Protein backbone atom coordinates (compact mmCIF):
# COMPACT_ATOMS: atom_id res chain seq x y z
CA MET A 1 17.92 -33.41 -39.23
CA SER A 2 15.15 -35.89 -38.48
CA LEU A 3 11.80 -35.67 -40.25
CA ALA A 4 9.95 -37.15 -37.29
CA TRP A 5 9.30 -33.79 -35.60
CA ILE A 6 7.29 -32.59 -38.63
CA LEU A 7 4.66 -35.23 -37.83
CA LEU A 8 5.09 -35.98 -34.14
CA LEU A 9 5.19 -32.41 -32.83
CA PRO A 10 1.67 -31.32 -33.94
CA LEU A 11 0.24 -34.74 -33.08
CA ALA A 12 1.69 -34.63 -29.57
CA GLY A 13 0.56 -31.02 -29.13
CA GLY A 14 -2.95 -31.87 -30.26
CA LEU A 15 -3.23 -34.76 -27.82
CA ALA A 16 -1.92 -32.56 -25.01
CA ALA A 17 -4.47 -29.86 -25.85
CA TRP A 18 -7.29 -32.41 -25.87
CA ILE A 19 -6.29 -33.80 -22.49
CA ALA A 20 -5.79 -30.31 -21.01
CA GLY A 21 -9.28 -29.36 -22.14
CA ARG A 22 -10.70 -31.54 -19.38
CA TRP A 23 -9.56 -29.02 -16.77
CA SER A 24 -9.45 -25.68 -18.55
CA ASP A 25 -10.55 -23.91 -21.71
CA LEU A 26 -7.45 -21.70 -21.67
CA TRP A 27 -4.73 -24.36 -21.58
CA PRO A 28 -5.68 -25.99 -24.92
CA ARG A 29 -5.44 -22.61 -26.64
CA TRP A 30 -1.94 -21.90 -25.33
CA ILE A 31 -0.74 -25.46 -25.93
CA SER A 32 -2.05 -25.38 -29.49
CA LEU A 33 -0.57 -21.94 -30.18
CA GLY A 34 2.80 -22.89 -28.70
CA THR A 35 2.92 -26.13 -30.68
CA ALA A 36 2.06 -24.43 -33.97
CA LEU A 37 4.58 -21.65 -33.35
CA LEU A 38 7.34 -24.15 -32.53
CA HIS A 39 6.48 -26.16 -35.64
CA LEU A 40 6.69 -22.98 -37.73
CA LEU A 41 9.98 -21.95 -36.13
CA LEU A 42 11.59 -25.31 -36.87
CA LEU A 43 10.46 -25.10 -40.49
CA VAL A 44 11.83 -21.57 -40.82
CA VAL A 45 15.16 -22.81 -39.46
CA THR A 46 15.08 -25.64 -42.01
CA TRP A 47 14.43 -23.09 -44.73
CA GLY A 48 17.40 -21.07 -43.50
CA VAL A 49 19.57 -24.20 -43.58
CA PHE A 50 18.52 -24.77 -47.17
CA PHE A 51 19.56 -21.27 -48.20
CA ALA A 52 22.80 -21.44 -46.24
CA GLY A 53 23.74 -24.58 -48.13
CA ILE A 54 24.62 -26.44 -44.93
CA GLU A 55 22.41 -29.43 -45.57
CA THR A 56 21.31 -29.78 -49.19
CA GLY A 57 20.56 -33.51 -49.07
CA GLN A 58 20.56 -35.63 -52.23
CA GLY A 59 20.12 -33.43 -55.30
CA ALA A 60 16.81 -31.62 -54.91
CA TRP A 61 16.07 -33.38 -51.61
CA LEU A 62 16.70 -31.50 -48.38
CA MET A 63 15.92 -34.40 -46.03
CA VAL A 64 15.18 -38.06 -46.65
CA TYR A 65 14.09 -40.83 -44.28
CA LYS A 66 13.22 -44.37 -45.40
CA GLN A 67 12.61 -47.52 -43.38
CA PRO A 68 10.80 -50.76 -44.32
CA TRP A 69 7.24 -50.91 -43.03
CA ILE A 70 5.46 -53.83 -44.73
CA PRO A 71 8.28 -55.31 -46.83
CA GLN A 72 6.17 -58.20 -48.12
CA LEU A 73 4.09 -55.67 -50.07
CA GLY A 74 6.91 -53.25 -50.82
CA ILE A 75 5.52 -50.61 -48.45
CA SER A 76 8.04 -48.39 -46.67
CA PHE A 77 7.93 -45.45 -44.31
CA HIS A 78 9.47 -43.12 -46.89
CA LEU A 79 9.50 -39.42 -46.02
CA ALA A 80 11.33 -36.71 -47.94
CA VAL A 81 11.38 -32.92 -48.19
CA ASP A 82 12.29 -30.89 -51.24
CA GLY A 83 11.72 -27.20 -51.95
CA LEU A 84 8.10 -27.69 -53.02
CA SER A 85 7.23 -29.70 -49.90
CA LEU A 86 9.00 -27.19 -47.67
CA LEU A 87 7.02 -24.22 -48.99
CA LEU A 88 3.71 -25.99 -48.47
CA LEU A 89 4.76 -27.11 -44.99
CA LEU A 90 5.57 -23.49 -44.14
CA LEU A 91 2.16 -22.39 -45.44
CA ALA A 92 0.36 -25.09 -43.43
CA SER A 93 2.19 -24.25 -40.22
CA PHE A 94 1.77 -20.47 -40.64
CA LEU A 95 -1.97 -20.69 -41.29
CA THR A 96 -2.43 -23.11 -38.38
CA VAL A 97 -0.96 -20.48 -36.04
CA LEU A 98 -3.44 -17.94 -37.38
CA ALA A 99 -6.34 -20.42 -37.21
CA VAL A 100 -5.64 -20.92 -33.52
CA LEU A 101 -5.56 -17.17 -32.95
CA THR A 102 -8.72 -16.43 -34.93
CA SER A 103 -10.70 -19.02 -32.94
CA TRP A 104 -9.32 -17.86 -29.57
CA ARG A 105 -12.63 -16.43 -28.35
CA SER A 106 -15.17 -17.71 -30.84
CA VAL A 107 -14.85 -21.39 -29.80
CA THR A 108 -16.20 -21.91 -26.30
CA ARG A 109 -17.29 -25.56 -26.17
CA SER A 110 -15.15 -28.70 -26.36
CA VAL A 111 -12.15 -26.40 -26.68
CA GLY A 112 -9.60 -29.17 -26.18
CA PHE A 113 -11.07 -31.41 -28.87
CA PHE A 114 -11.34 -28.44 -31.24
CA HIS A 115 -7.62 -27.70 -30.97
CA PHE A 116 -6.78 -31.38 -31.25
CA ASN A 117 -8.54 -31.40 -34.61
CA LEU A 118 -6.74 -28.26 -35.77
CA LEU A 119 -3.36 -29.81 -35.02
CA LEU A 120 -4.42 -33.16 -36.47
CA ILE A 121 -5.10 -31.36 -39.76
CA LEU A 122 -1.55 -29.97 -39.60
CA THR A 123 -0.20 -33.47 -38.90
CA ALA A 124 -2.13 -35.07 -41.77
CA LEU A 125 -1.30 -32.37 -44.30
CA SER A 126 2.36 -32.44 -43.29
CA GLY A 127 2.28 -36.18 -43.95
CA VAL A 128 0.70 -35.63 -47.37
CA PHE A 129 3.44 -33.18 -48.33
CA ILE A 130 6.37 -35.38 -47.25
CA ALA A 131 5.14 -38.95 -47.90
CA PHE A 132 6.88 -40.58 -50.86
CA ASP A 133 5.35 -44.01 -50.46
CA LEU A 134 1.93 -44.05 -52.12
CA PHE A 135 0.38 -46.23 -49.41
CA LEU A 136 1.63 -43.81 -46.76
CA PHE A 137 0.46 -40.85 -48.84
CA PHE A 138 -3.02 -42.35 -49.10
CA ALA A 139 -3.12 -42.96 -45.34
CA PHE A 140 -2.37 -39.30 -44.55
CA TRP A 141 -4.79 -38.20 -47.29
CA GLU A 142 -7.62 -40.11 -45.63
CA ILE A 143 -6.67 -38.99 -42.12
CA SER A 144 -7.04 -35.35 -43.22
CA LEU A 145 -10.78 -35.93 -43.74
CA LEU A 146 -11.54 -36.79 -40.12
CA PRO A 147 -10.64 -33.53 -38.34
CA LEU A 148 -12.43 -31.49 -41.00
CA TYR A 149 -15.49 -33.68 -40.56
CA PHE A 150 -15.51 -32.93 -36.83
CA LEU A 151 -14.68 -29.22 -37.20
CA ILE A 152 -17.60 -28.60 -39.52
CA GLY A 153 -19.98 -31.11 -37.95
CA ILE A 154 -19.53 -29.96 -34.33
CA TRP A 155 -18.62 -26.26 -34.55
CA GLY A 156 -20.33 -25.36 -37.82
CA TYR A 157 -23.52 -23.43 -38.42
CA GLU A 158 -27.17 -24.32 -38.94
CA ASN A 159 -26.85 -26.69 -41.93
CA ARG A 160 -23.58 -28.26 -40.82
CA VAL A 161 -24.85 -31.84 -40.89
CA TYR A 162 -25.82 -31.60 -44.57
CA ALA A 163 -22.55 -29.86 -45.50
CA THR A 164 -20.44 -32.32 -43.53
CA THR A 165 -22.16 -35.38 -44.97
CA LYS A 166 -21.84 -34.05 -48.52
CA PHE A 167 -18.18 -33.17 -48.01
CA PHE A 168 -17.34 -36.55 -46.51
CA ILE A 169 -19.16 -38.68 -49.09
CA ILE A 170 -17.73 -36.86 -52.12
CA THR A 171 -14.16 -36.66 -50.84
CA GLN A 172 -14.23 -40.22 -49.50
CA GLY A 173 -15.50 -41.48 -52.83
CA SER A 174 -12.69 -39.70 -54.66
CA GLY A 175 -10.20 -41.14 -52.18
CA LEU A 176 -11.38 -44.68 -52.91
CA LEU A 177 -10.97 -43.98 -56.62
CA MET A 178 -7.40 -42.87 -55.97
CA LEU A 179 -6.75 -46.04 -53.95
CA LEU A 180 -7.88 -48.17 -56.89
CA ALA A 181 -5.57 -46.18 -59.17
CA ILE A 182 -2.66 -46.65 -56.76
CA LEU A 183 -3.26 -50.40 -56.58
CA GLY A 184 -3.54 -50.58 -60.35
CA LEU A 185 -0.23 -48.73 -60.77
CA VAL A 186 1.49 -51.02 -58.28
CA VAL A 187 0.17 -54.16 -59.99
CA VAL A 188 1.23 -52.90 -63.43
CA HIS A 189 4.71 -52.13 -62.09
CA TRP A 190 4.91 -55.59 -60.48
CA GLN A 191 3.82 -57.36 -63.67
CA THR A 192 6.32 -55.37 -65.73
CA THR A 193 9.38 -55.43 -63.47
CA GLY A 194 8.70 -58.26 -61.03
CA VAL A 195 9.09 -55.80 -58.12
CA MET A 196 6.24 -55.07 -55.74
CA THR A 197 6.59 -51.52 -54.43
CA PHE A 198 4.58 -48.46 -53.43
CA ASP A 199 7.63 -46.19 -53.53
CA TYR A 200 7.02 -43.03 -55.56
CA LEU A 201 10.54 -42.80 -56.97
CA GLU A 202 10.50 -46.43 -58.10
CA LEU A 203 7.06 -46.12 -59.68
CA LEU A 204 8.17 -43.21 -61.83
CA GLY A 205 8.72 -44.37 -65.39
CA THR A 206 6.67 -47.56 -65.03
CA PRO A 207 6.13 -48.90 -68.57
CA MET A 208 2.48 -49.46 -69.46
CA SER A 209 0.14 -49.29 -72.42
CA GLU A 210 -1.37 -45.95 -73.39
CA SER A 211 -4.88 -47.01 -72.40
CA THR A 212 -3.74 -48.30 -69.00
CA ALA A 213 -1.79 -45.11 -68.35
CA PHE A 214 -4.80 -42.98 -69.29
CA TRP A 215 -7.26 -44.74 -66.99
CA LEU A 216 -4.86 -44.83 -64.05
CA MET A 217 -4.01 -41.17 -64.60
CA LEU A 218 -7.71 -40.35 -64.69
CA GLY A 219 -8.21 -42.04 -61.32
CA PHE A 220 -5.54 -39.86 -59.74
CA PHE A 221 -6.77 -36.76 -61.59
CA ILE A 222 -10.37 -37.07 -60.42
CA ALA A 223 -9.32 -37.62 -56.79
CA PHE A 224 -7.14 -34.50 -56.83
CA ALA A 225 -9.69 -32.55 -58.89
CA VAL A 226 -12.29 -33.01 -56.15
CA LYS A 227 -9.96 -31.43 -53.60
CA LEU A 228 -8.68 -28.65 -55.88
CA PRO A 229 -11.68 -28.34 -56.72
CA VAL A 230 -12.32 -28.57 -60.46
CA VAL A 231 -15.75 -27.83 -61.94
CA PRO A 232 -18.03 -29.85 -61.96
CA LEU A 233 -16.54 -31.70 -58.95
CA HIS A 234 -16.68 -28.58 -56.77
CA THR A 235 -20.20 -28.74 -55.33
CA TRP A 236 -19.10 -29.73 -51.81
CA LEU A 237 -16.91 -26.64 -51.38
CA PRO A 238 -19.42 -23.74 -51.11
CA ASP A 239 -21.57 -25.69 -48.65
CA ALA A 240 -18.57 -26.76 -46.55
CA HIS A 241 -17.20 -23.22 -46.41
CA THR A 242 -20.56 -21.68 -45.60
CA GLN A 243 -21.19 -24.00 -42.66
CA ALA A 244 -17.62 -24.29 -41.34
CA PRO A 245 -16.33 -22.24 -38.41
CA THR A 246 -13.77 -19.61 -39.35
CA ALA A 247 -10.80 -21.83 -38.49
CA GLY A 248 -12.32 -24.62 -40.60
CA SER A 249 -12.68 -22.29 -43.58
CA VAL A 250 -9.05 -21.21 -43.15
CA ALA A 251 -7.98 -24.86 -43.17
CA LEU A 252 -10.17 -25.66 -46.18
CA ALA A 253 -9.21 -22.73 -48.41
CA GLY A 254 -5.67 -22.20 -47.23
CA LEU A 255 -4.55 -25.80 -46.90
CA VAL A 256 -6.89 -28.58 -48.05
CA LEU A 257 -7.33 -27.18 -51.56
CA LYS A 258 -3.54 -27.14 -51.86
CA ILE A 259 -3.21 -30.89 -51.45
CA GLY A 260 -5.28 -31.30 -54.60
CA ALA A 261 -2.92 -29.00 -56.49
CA TYR A 262 0.10 -30.71 -54.92
CA GLY A 263 -1.19 -34.11 -56.03
CA MET A 264 -1.60 -32.89 -59.61
CA LEU A 265 1.90 -31.48 -59.60
CA ARG A 266 3.69 -34.30 -57.79
CA PHE A 267 1.86 -37.40 -59.01
CA VAL A 268 -0.40 -36.98 -62.03
CA VAL A 269 2.05 -35.48 -64.52
CA PRO A 270 5.36 -37.11 -63.41
CA ILE A 271 3.96 -40.66 -63.07
CA PHE A 272 1.89 -40.48 -66.28
CA PRO A 273 3.83 -38.01 -68.45
CA GLN A 274 2.44 -38.98 -71.83
CA ALA A 275 -1.13 -39.58 -70.64
CA ALA A 276 -1.03 -36.16 -68.96
CA ALA A 277 0.27 -34.62 -72.19
CA ASP A 278 -2.61 -36.16 -74.12
CA PHE A 279 -5.01 -34.85 -71.45
CA THR A 280 -3.55 -31.32 -71.46
CA LEU A 281 -6.21 -29.69 -73.61
CA ILE A 282 -9.08 -31.13 -71.55
CA ALA A 283 -7.41 -30.13 -68.28
CA MET A 284 -6.76 -26.58 -69.51
CA ILE A 285 -10.37 -26.26 -70.68
CA LEU A 286 -11.56 -27.41 -67.23
CA ALA A 287 -9.20 -24.86 -65.67
CA VAL A 288 -10.62 -21.99 -67.74
CA VAL A 289 -14.18 -23.13 -67.05
CA GLY A 290 -13.37 -23.07 -63.33
CA ILE A 291 -11.84 -19.60 -63.56
CA LEU A 292 -14.85 -18.11 -65.32
CA TYR A 293 -17.54 -20.17 -63.57
CA GLY A 294 -16.18 -19.42 -60.11
CA ALA A 295 -15.97 -15.70 -60.85
CA LEU A 296 -19.47 -15.61 -62.35
CA LEU A 297 -21.02 -17.47 -59.40
CA ALA A 298 -19.19 -15.20 -56.95
CA LEU A 299 -20.91 -12.20 -58.55
CA GLY A 300 -24.32 -13.70 -57.94
CA GLN A 301 -23.99 -14.54 -54.24
CA THR A 302 -25.86 -12.82 -51.43
CA ASP A 303 -23.99 -14.70 -48.67
CA LEU A 304 -20.59 -13.06 -48.12
CA LYS A 305 -18.88 -16.28 -47.08
CA ARG A 306 -20.27 -18.18 -50.03
CA MET A 307 -19.03 -15.40 -52.30
CA VAL A 308 -15.47 -15.82 -51.01
CA ALA A 309 -15.80 -19.60 -51.43
CA TYR A 310 -16.57 -19.25 -55.14
CA THR A 311 -13.60 -16.93 -55.62
CA SER A 312 -11.42 -19.83 -54.40
CA ILE A 313 -12.70 -22.01 -57.24
CA SER A 314 -11.74 -19.27 -59.70
CA HIS A 315 -8.25 -18.76 -58.28
CA MET A 316 -7.45 -22.46 -58.11
CA GLY A 317 -8.36 -22.71 -61.80
CA PHE A 318 -5.21 -20.72 -62.51
CA VAL A 319 -3.21 -23.33 -60.58
CA LEU A 320 -4.61 -26.15 -62.72
CA LEU A 321 -3.91 -24.12 -65.86
CA GLY A 322 -0.29 -23.62 -64.82
CA ILE A 323 0.31 -27.25 -63.90
CA PHE A 324 -0.86 -28.62 -67.24
CA ALA A 325 0.93 -25.91 -69.22
CA TRP A 326 4.01 -27.61 -67.70
CA ASN A 327 6.79 -25.14 -68.38
CA GLU A 328 9.01 -23.24 -65.99
CA LEU A 329 7.01 -20.01 -65.98
CA ALA A 330 3.64 -21.70 -65.52
CA LEU A 331 4.80 -24.08 -62.80
CA GLN A 332 6.48 -21.34 -60.78
CA GLY A 333 3.34 -19.25 -61.17
CA ALA A 334 1.18 -22.13 -59.95
CA VAL A 335 3.29 -22.45 -56.80
CA ILE A 336 3.08 -18.70 -56.15
CA ILE A 337 -0.71 -18.77 -56.52
CA MET A 338 -0.96 -21.71 -54.12
CA LEU A 339 0.81 -19.61 -51.49
CA SER A 340 -0.82 -16.27 -52.28
CA HIS A 341 -4.31 -17.76 -52.32
CA GLY A 342 -3.57 -19.32 -48.94
CA PHE A 343 -2.84 -15.85 -47.54
CA SER A 344 -5.68 -13.92 -49.20
CA ALA A 345 -8.41 -16.57 -48.78
CA ALA A 346 -7.50 -17.06 -45.12
CA ALA A 347 -7.68 -13.30 -44.55
CA LEU A 348 -11.03 -12.92 -46.29
CA PHE A 349 -12.60 -15.83 -44.40
CA MET A 350 -11.29 -14.43 -41.13
CA MET A 351 -12.76 -11.04 -42.02
CA VAL A 352 -16.12 -12.65 -42.77
CA GLY A 353 -15.93 -14.53 -39.46
CA ASP A 354 -15.17 -11.34 -37.54
CA LEU A 355 -18.07 -9.54 -39.21
CA GLN A 356 -20.45 -12.41 -38.52
CA HIS A 357 -19.33 -12.52 -34.87
CA ARG A 358 -20.21 -8.84 -34.54
CA THR A 359 -23.38 -8.64 -36.66
CA HIS A 360 -24.68 -12.26 -36.57
CA THR A 361 -25.27 -12.20 -40.32
CA ARG A 362 -23.43 -12.86 -43.61
CA ASP A 363 -26.14 -11.39 -45.83
CA LEU A 364 -24.60 -8.81 -48.18
CA GLY A 365 -27.85 -6.88 -48.24
CA SER A 366 -27.61 -6.31 -44.48
CA PHE A 367 -24.24 -4.58 -44.65
CA GLY A 368 -23.28 -1.15 -45.96
CA GLY A 369 -21.41 1.89 -44.70
CA LEU A 370 -19.29 -0.05 -42.20
CA TRP A 371 -16.14 1.92 -43.04
CA THR A 372 -17.24 4.81 -40.81
CA MET A 373 -17.36 2.49 -37.77
CA MET A 374 -14.59 0.07 -38.69
CA PRO A 375 -11.92 1.90 -40.74
CA ARG A 376 -9.13 -0.51 -39.80
CA MET A 377 -11.13 -3.56 -40.82
CA GLY A 378 -12.23 -1.72 -43.93
CA GLY A 379 -8.60 -1.04 -44.81
CA VAL A 380 -7.75 -4.71 -44.34
CA GLY A 381 -10.73 -5.71 -46.49
CA LEU A 382 -9.64 -3.28 -49.20
CA PHE A 383 -6.07 -4.62 -49.16
CA PHE A 384 -7.16 -8.24 -49.60
CA ALA A 385 -9.78 -7.29 -52.19
CA MET A 386 -6.90 -5.79 -54.16
CA ALA A 387 -4.85 -8.93 -53.54
CA SER A 388 -7.73 -11.07 -54.81
CA LEU A 389 -8.06 -9.09 -58.05
CA GLY A 390 -4.30 -9.31 -58.71
CA LEU A 391 -3.02 -5.77 -58.03
CA PRO A 392 0.65 -5.41 -59.09
CA GLY A 393 2.97 -5.54 -56.11
CA LEU A 394 0.90 -8.19 -54.34
CA ALA A 395 1.52 -11.93 -54.42
CA SER A 396 -1.35 -13.05 -56.63
CA PHE A 397 -0.26 -10.73 -59.44
CA ILE A 398 3.10 -12.47 -59.68
CA GLY A 399 1.52 -15.91 -59.77
CA GLU A 400 -1.21 -15.11 -62.28
CA PHE A 401 1.21 -13.24 -64.55
CA LEU A 402 3.62 -16.19 -64.63
CA VAL A 403 0.83 -18.70 -65.23
CA LEU A 404 -0.61 -16.69 -68.11
CA MET A 405 2.84 -16.20 -69.63
CA GLY A 406 3.50 -19.93 -69.44
CA ALA A 407 0.04 -20.95 -70.67
CA PHE A 408 0.34 -18.52 -73.60
CA GLN A 409 3.17 -20.69 -74.93
CA VAL A 410 0.87 -23.73 -74.95
CA ASN A 411 -2.60 -22.50 -75.92
CA VAL A 412 -3.28 -18.87 -76.86
CA PRO A 413 -7.12 -18.91 -77.06
CA LEU A 414 -7.52 -20.55 -73.64
CA THR A 415 -5.03 -18.11 -72.14
CA VAL A 416 -7.02 -15.18 -73.51
CA LEU A 417 -10.21 -16.62 -72.01
CA ALA A 418 -8.46 -17.19 -68.67
CA SER A 419 -7.39 -13.56 -68.60
CA VAL A 420 -11.07 -12.59 -68.63
CA GLY A 421 -11.16 -14.07 -65.14
CA LEU A 422 -8.90 -11.24 -63.99
CA VAL A 423 -11.50 -8.72 -65.15
CA ALA A 424 -14.24 -10.65 -63.35
CA ALA A 425 -12.07 -10.74 -60.21
CA THR A 426 -11.92 -6.95 -60.28
CA VAL A 427 -15.71 -6.76 -60.48
CA TYR A 428 -16.49 -9.16 -57.62
CA SER A 429 -13.75 -7.74 -55.38
CA LEU A 430 -14.98 -4.16 -55.78
CA LEU A 431 -18.59 -5.32 -55.46
CA MET A 432 -17.75 -6.93 -52.13
CA MET A 433 -16.13 -3.73 -50.85
CA GLN A 434 -19.03 -1.59 -52.07
CA LYS A 435 -21.72 -3.70 -50.42
CA VAL A 436 -19.95 -4.18 -47.10
CA TYR A 437 -18.00 -1.01 -46.37
CA TYR A 438 -19.34 1.76 -48.63
CA GLY A 439 -22.77 3.04 -49.53
CA ALA A 440 -25.56 4.00 -47.15
CA ARG A 441 -25.94 2.52 -43.68
CA THR A 442 -28.73 -0.03 -43.51
CA ASP A 443 -28.93 -0.44 -39.70
CA ASP A 444 -28.00 1.14 -36.38
CA TRP A 445 -25.20 -1.27 -35.38
CA LYS A 446 -22.58 -0.13 -32.88
CA LEU A 447 -19.58 -2.20 -33.88
CA ASP A 448 -16.03 -2.32 -32.55
CA ASP A 449 -13.11 -2.07 -34.93
CA THR A 450 -10.39 -4.74 -35.08
CA SER A 451 -8.97 -5.82 -31.74
CA GLY A 452 -5.27 -6.19 -31.01
CA ARG A 453 -5.40 -9.94 -31.67
CA GLU A 454 -7.20 -9.44 -34.99
CA THR A 455 -4.71 -6.72 -35.95
CA VAL A 456 -1.76 -9.07 -35.35
CA ILE A 457 -3.38 -11.76 -37.49
CA MET A 458 -4.13 -9.43 -40.39
CA ALA A 459 -0.76 -7.69 -40.16
CA SER A 460 0.93 -11.10 -40.50
CA LEU A 461 -1.07 -11.93 -43.63
CA ILE A 462 -0.52 -8.46 -45.10
CA GLY A 463 3.23 -8.79 -44.51
CA ALA A 464 3.31 -12.24 -46.15
CA THR A 465 1.29 -11.03 -49.15
CA LEU A 466 3.43 -7.93 -49.63
CA GLY A 467 6.68 -9.81 -49.11
CA LEU A 468 5.82 -12.47 -51.66
CA GLY A 469 4.55 -9.87 -54.12
CA LEU A 470 7.51 -7.52 -53.89
CA TYR A 471 10.29 -10.09 -53.52
CA PRO A 472 9.25 -13.57 -54.69
CA GLN A 473 12.80 -14.74 -55.45
CA PRO A 474 13.32 -16.78 -52.23
CA VAL A 475 10.17 -18.77 -53.04
CA LEU A 476 11.16 -19.21 -56.69
CA THR A 477 14.62 -20.38 -55.61
CA THR A 478 13.22 -22.80 -53.03
CA SER A 479 10.84 -24.50 -55.42
CA GLY A 480 13.11 -24.19 -58.46
CA ASN A 481 15.20 -27.36 -58.02
CA ALA A 482 12.21 -29.57 -57.26
CA LEU A 483 10.21 -28.26 -60.22
CA ALA A 484 13.23 -28.49 -62.54
CA GLN A 485 13.82 -32.11 -61.53
CA MET A 486 10.19 -33.07 -62.22
CA ARG A 487 10.11 -31.11 -65.46
CA GLU A 488 13.33 -32.73 -66.70
CA PHE A 489 12.01 -36.23 -66.03
CA VAL A 490 8.67 -35.54 -67.71
CA ASP A 491 10.22 -33.84 -70.73
CA LYS A 492 12.55 -36.80 -71.29
CA ALA A 493 9.65 -39.24 -71.05
CA ARG A 494 7.73 -37.24 -73.66
CA THR A 495 10.46 -37.26 -76.33
CA PRO A 496 9.76 -39.34 -79.47
CA ALA A 497 12.76 -41.58 -78.69
CA ALA A 498 11.49 -42.31 -75.18
CA ARG A 499 7.98 -43.05 -76.43
CA ALA A 500 9.34 -45.38 -79.11
CA ALA A 501 11.52 -47.22 -76.59
CA ALA A 502 8.57 -47.65 -74.22
CA ALA A 503 6.39 -48.95 -77.03
CA GLU A 504 9.10 -51.43 -78.09
CA ALA A 505 9.51 -52.65 -74.51
CA ARG A 506 5.76 -53.22 -74.21
CA LYS A 507 5.79 -55.08 -77.51
CA GLU A 508 8.63 -57.35 -76.36
CA ASP A 509 6.81 -58.08 -73.08
CA ALA A 510 3.67 -58.98 -75.02
CA VAL A 511 5.61 -61.34 -77.31
CA ALA A 512 7.42 -62.94 -74.38
CA SER A 513 4.13 -63.64 -72.64
CA VAL A 514 2.83 -65.77 -75.55
CA THR A 515 3.47 -69.54 -75.39
CA PRO A 516 4.58 -71.52 -78.49
CA ASP A 517 1.05 -72.81 -79.00
CA GLY A 518 -0.33 -69.28 -79.17
CA GLY A 519 -1.75 -69.11 -75.67
CA LYS A 520 -0.93 -66.62 -72.95
CA ARG A 521 1.52 -67.43 -70.21
CA PRO A 522 -0.03 -67.40 -66.76
């Protein structure tokens, strides 16, 4: 099965929606919805093929496509899908469908261009998840910034220019840092092996000094930490969420944050196994700080959307904790949280958007007693508040439990501190419900309950959250081979024998580079 449709289908659909927007506001919506649904259907079929064992590819790889692109520089058009990529592709496609539906009536200007940007995000993120040439990966990474810039800058709220500028400068700066790290890795590999390449699989295991590995790893880490986001590199996120339209917030929380986690998991630890091991304590401390800081800041917010944004920082801290714990339980838990947070954060941002559309405010002090008017929306809010705090039977509980079990094997004190974040999540989730849906009425609003379209959206997210929480095995099976392959490679590279062999090889290279008169060879 060709990988081309994963990229070309949403791109073609987005262009068609943009062109159709010249004549009608309705056509772009249907074109965008149909494209996203077809993309999702094809991915579901691919998932079914994986489970049926019809097309298992090479080892952990389900599909692989590689053609030379710029052979003089060792750049190829290398695409591949394994279980980890497939799960994130499914999440991206699923949430894009819901983003189109949630913006069906709220977006009324430049409708065609709006839907083009939604599908361009899907195209770029799909490229990030399947690109296995680092030059190609960086290209898709940078492309993902543009549609978000337009979504927030054109369809955002009152301070959208400030939020957009801040988001673009910080993320663009981190991207340039990653580019420097990529070029440094390629040059080190070329000097060591004589082969110029950007291919991910060939760059794995590149011998280098400990200091070089650390600084290159740090370049990748900071770039991905900005997107995750990791405290103190998180400052763009609350502003971007607050000013973004609902579909933009869904894309940010449900999808864009995941490419930061994916980069940590796919690139930082496997390419720099020993440097990542040496950095483990610092990374786990940053993860715990993010968990507690995000929860604490969420408690202090008066803007409902900003409150949900800070909860994302807290939840993604568990992902970072699981990745650097680097054992089977923690890694599987990190993947589950990436998916579960995509569902719950998307639902909460959609709920905030629906409330703002009805009341024209996000101020928590202006709400209260809405359950009597909106019992269905209140029930949905209660369900996802429970999902956010990690209620057993829902998806986030599985992920957080696995991460804490895995992290406990690595660092007990930090795991205990991280578990305090679960208590804080209970407090801010119940506080949100109390201020919005319970208590005394503070106004005389006459509000409609959820519409049929909103009910379909929320029912889809509830089904996904319940399904993943009650029966996570298909997800664990899908990601299992990919995670096992990465873990096996990293564990071998971290053995004393492997470290000694790498050190000896570096020593021999250093000796060979010295001329008889004591100078360095050019």
